[in-house]
Protein backbone atom coordinates (compact mmCIF):
# COMPACT_ATOMS: atom_id res chain seq x y z
CA MET A 1 4.62 -13.34 -43.62
CA PHE A 2 5.90 -15.53 -40.65
CA LEU A 3 8.52 -13.75 -39.76
CA THR A 4 6.71 -10.70 -39.90
CA THR A 5 4.23 -12.63 -37.01
CA MET A 6 6.77 -13.28 -35.38
CA LEU A 7 9.00 -10.03 -35.14
CA ALA A 8 5.78 -7.94 -33.67
CA SER A 9 4.72 -10.76 -31.41
CA VAL A 10 8.32 -10.16 -29.88
CA ILE A 11 8.20 -6.56 -29.93
CA VAL A 12 4.59 -6.55 -27.89
CA LEU A 13 6.15 -9.40 -25.23
CA ASP A 14 8.94 -7.31 -24.76
CA SER A 15 6.62 -3.66 -24.60
CA CYS A 16 4.93 -5.93 -21.85
CA TYR A 17 8.01 -7.10 -20.04
CA SER A 18 8.91 -3.64 -20.19
CA LYS A 19 5.94 -2.35 -18.47
CA ASN A 20 5.87 -4.92 -15.58
CA LYS A 21 9.64 -3.94 -14.69
CA ILE A 22 8.69 -0.63 -14.76
CA LEU A 23 6.12 -1.07 -12.35
CA LEU A 24 8.00 -3.55 -10.23
CA GLY A 25 10.81 -0.84 -10.18
CA GLN A 26 8.60 1.75 -8.74
CA THR A 27 7.15 -0.38 -6.31
CA GLU A 28 10.28 -1.70 -5.18
CA ALA A 29 10.91 0.93 -2.35
CA LEU A 30 7.09 -0.09 -0.87
CA PHE A 31 8.65 -3.90 -0.62
CA ARG A 32 12.16 -3.23 1.08
CA ASN A 33 10.34 -2.60 4.79
CA LYS A 34 8.48 -3.35 6.79
CA TRP A 35 5.84 -0.17 8.20
CA ARG A 36 4.70 1.41 11.39
CA LEU A 37 1.35 3.34 11.20
CA THR A 38 2.27 6.94 12.75
CA GLU A 39 -0.62 8.90 11.08
CA VAL A 40 -4.18 8.80 10.25
CA GLN A 41 -5.98 11.70 8.10
CA GLY A 42 -3.79 14.39 10.47
CA GLN A 43 -4.27 11.93 13.79
CA PRO A 44 -1.11 10.55 15.15
CA VAL A 45 -0.55 7.11 15.98
CA PRO A 46 0.76 6.54 19.97
CA GLU A 47 3.72 5.01 20.03
CA SER A 48 2.29 2.16 22.23
CA MET A 49 0.19 1.49 19.62
CA TYR A 50 2.01 -1.12 17.94
CA THR A 51 1.27 -1.59 13.90
CA SER A 52 3.52 -2.96 11.47
CA PHE A 53 2.92 -3.35 7.92
CA GLU A 54 4.26 -5.07 4.72
CA PHE A 55 3.14 -5.01 1.08
CA THR A 56 4.05 -8.06 -1.06
CA GLN A 57 3.24 -8.03 -4.62
CA ASN A 58 -0.34 -8.32 -4.61
CA ASN A 59 -1.34 -7.63 -0.54
CA LEU A 60 -0.69 -5.26 2.34
CA THR A 61 -0.82 -7.37 5.63
CA GLY A 62 -0.48 -6.50 8.64
CA SER A 63 -1.70 -5.45 12.14
CA THR A 64 -3.69 -2.27 12.98
CA GLY A 65 -2.75 -2.57 16.39
CA CYS A 66 -6.26 -4.30 17.45
CA ASN A 67 -7.08 -6.35 14.50
CA SER A 68 -5.05 -8.35 11.63
CA LEU A 69 -5.71 -6.83 7.89
CA SER A 70 -5.09 -8.23 4.55
CA ALA A 71 -5.74 -6.10 1.72
CA ARG A 72 -5.57 -6.71 -2.13
CA PHE A 73 -2.80 -4.35 -3.70
CA MET A 74 -2.76 -2.97 -6.86
CA ALA A 75 -0.05 -0.62 -8.26
CA GLY A 76 -0.04 1.38 -11.49
CA SER A 77 2.30 3.78 -13.03
CA HIS A 78 3.48 7.02 -11.64
CA GLN A 79 2.73 5.64 -8.10
CA SER A 80 -1.04 5.03 -8.30
CA VAL A 81 -2.54 2.16 -6.32
CA THR A 82 -5.38 0.78 -5.41
CA ILE A 83 -5.88 -0.97 -1.88
CA LEU A 84 -9.12 -3.14 -1.46
CA PRO A 85 -9.01 -4.20 2.69
CA ASP A 86 -10.34 -6.92 3.32
CA THR A 87 -13.02 -7.60 6.66
CA PRO A 88 -10.25 -7.56 10.06
CA THR A 89 -9.86 -10.15 12.07
CA ASN A 90 -12.95 -8.91 15.07
CA LYS A 91 -11.50 -8.53 17.86
CA THR A 92 -12.45 -5.74 20.59
CA CYS A 93 -9.99 -3.19 20.95
CA GLU A 94 -8.48 -1.91 23.64
CA ASN A 95 -9.80 1.16 24.27
CA ALA A 96 -12.23 3.81 22.02
CA ASN A 97 -9.15 5.97 20.45
CA ALA A 98 -7.91 2.68 19.10
CA ALA A 99 -11.32 1.63 17.95
CA ASP A 100 -11.93 5.12 15.91
CA LEU A 101 -8.11 5.16 14.98
CA GLU A 102 -8.79 1.47 13.37
CA ALA A 103 -12.27 2.60 11.67
CA LYS A 104 -10.34 5.88 9.98
CA PHE A 105 -7.29 3.18 8.90
CA LEU A 106 -9.34 1.28 6.98
CA ASP A 107 -11.79 4.15 5.96
CA ALA A 108 -8.22 6.12 4.15
CA LEU A 109 -6.74 3.03 2.72
CA SER A 110 -10.07 2.23 0.83
CA LYS A 111 -9.96 6.18 -0.02
CA THR A 112 -5.89 6.04 -1.38
CA THR A 113 -5.10 6.32 -5.07
CA ASN A 114 -1.40 7.06 -4.90
CA TRP A 115 1.17 7.52 -2.80
CA SER A 116 5.04 8.66 -1.80
CA ILE A 117 8.32 7.57 -0.21
CA ASN A 118 10.11 10.85 1.56
CA GLU A 119 13.53 10.03 3.67
CA GLY A 120 12.00 6.55 5.15
CA GLU A 121 8.42 7.53 5.44
CA LEU A 122 5.59 6.21 3.74
CA ARG A 123 2.66 8.36 2.60
CA LEU A 124 -0.64 7.09 1.40
CA LYS A 125 -2.63 9.63 -0.49
CA GLU A 126 -6.08 10.66 -2.06
CA GLY A 127 -4.37 13.10 -5.05
CA ASP A 128 -2.60 15.70 -3.07
CA ILE A 129 -4.09 14.81 -0.11
CA THR A 130 -1.88 12.50 2.66
CA LEU A 131 -4.16 10.11 4.51
CA ILE A 132 -1.64 8.20 5.88
CA LYS A 133 1.95 8.07 7.39
CA MET A 134 4.18 5.36 7.99
CA ARG A 135 7.75 5.04 9.26
CA SER A 136 10.39 2.18 7.80
CA LEU A 137 11.25 -0.39 10.65
């Protein structure tokens, strides 16, 4: 009986380890680079608006060009993702376009359900619709 219980425990633990290893492998591409925002909901982001983002195991951090941002990041299987933005710092944006872009970005982050990377471009999507495009730095 003891041997059967131990064998079952090893199989369950191995299964959990394998699943976590697969998820880490899928998201490893996100962690390799810092990212610059290039487009939000179809609106190009001007080169002059400096944005930079970095994904870590459970967080997305960076600058929207106006404010610092932190968000909880939860990766799932098949490149699914949930991003829960925290309230950004509360600096006034230099111009109305930057403030509008920041609001669209935060809205798009909260709607994101999956992601893809192709040729150095990260796309955060809701289903098949691309909400955010980023370029690796």
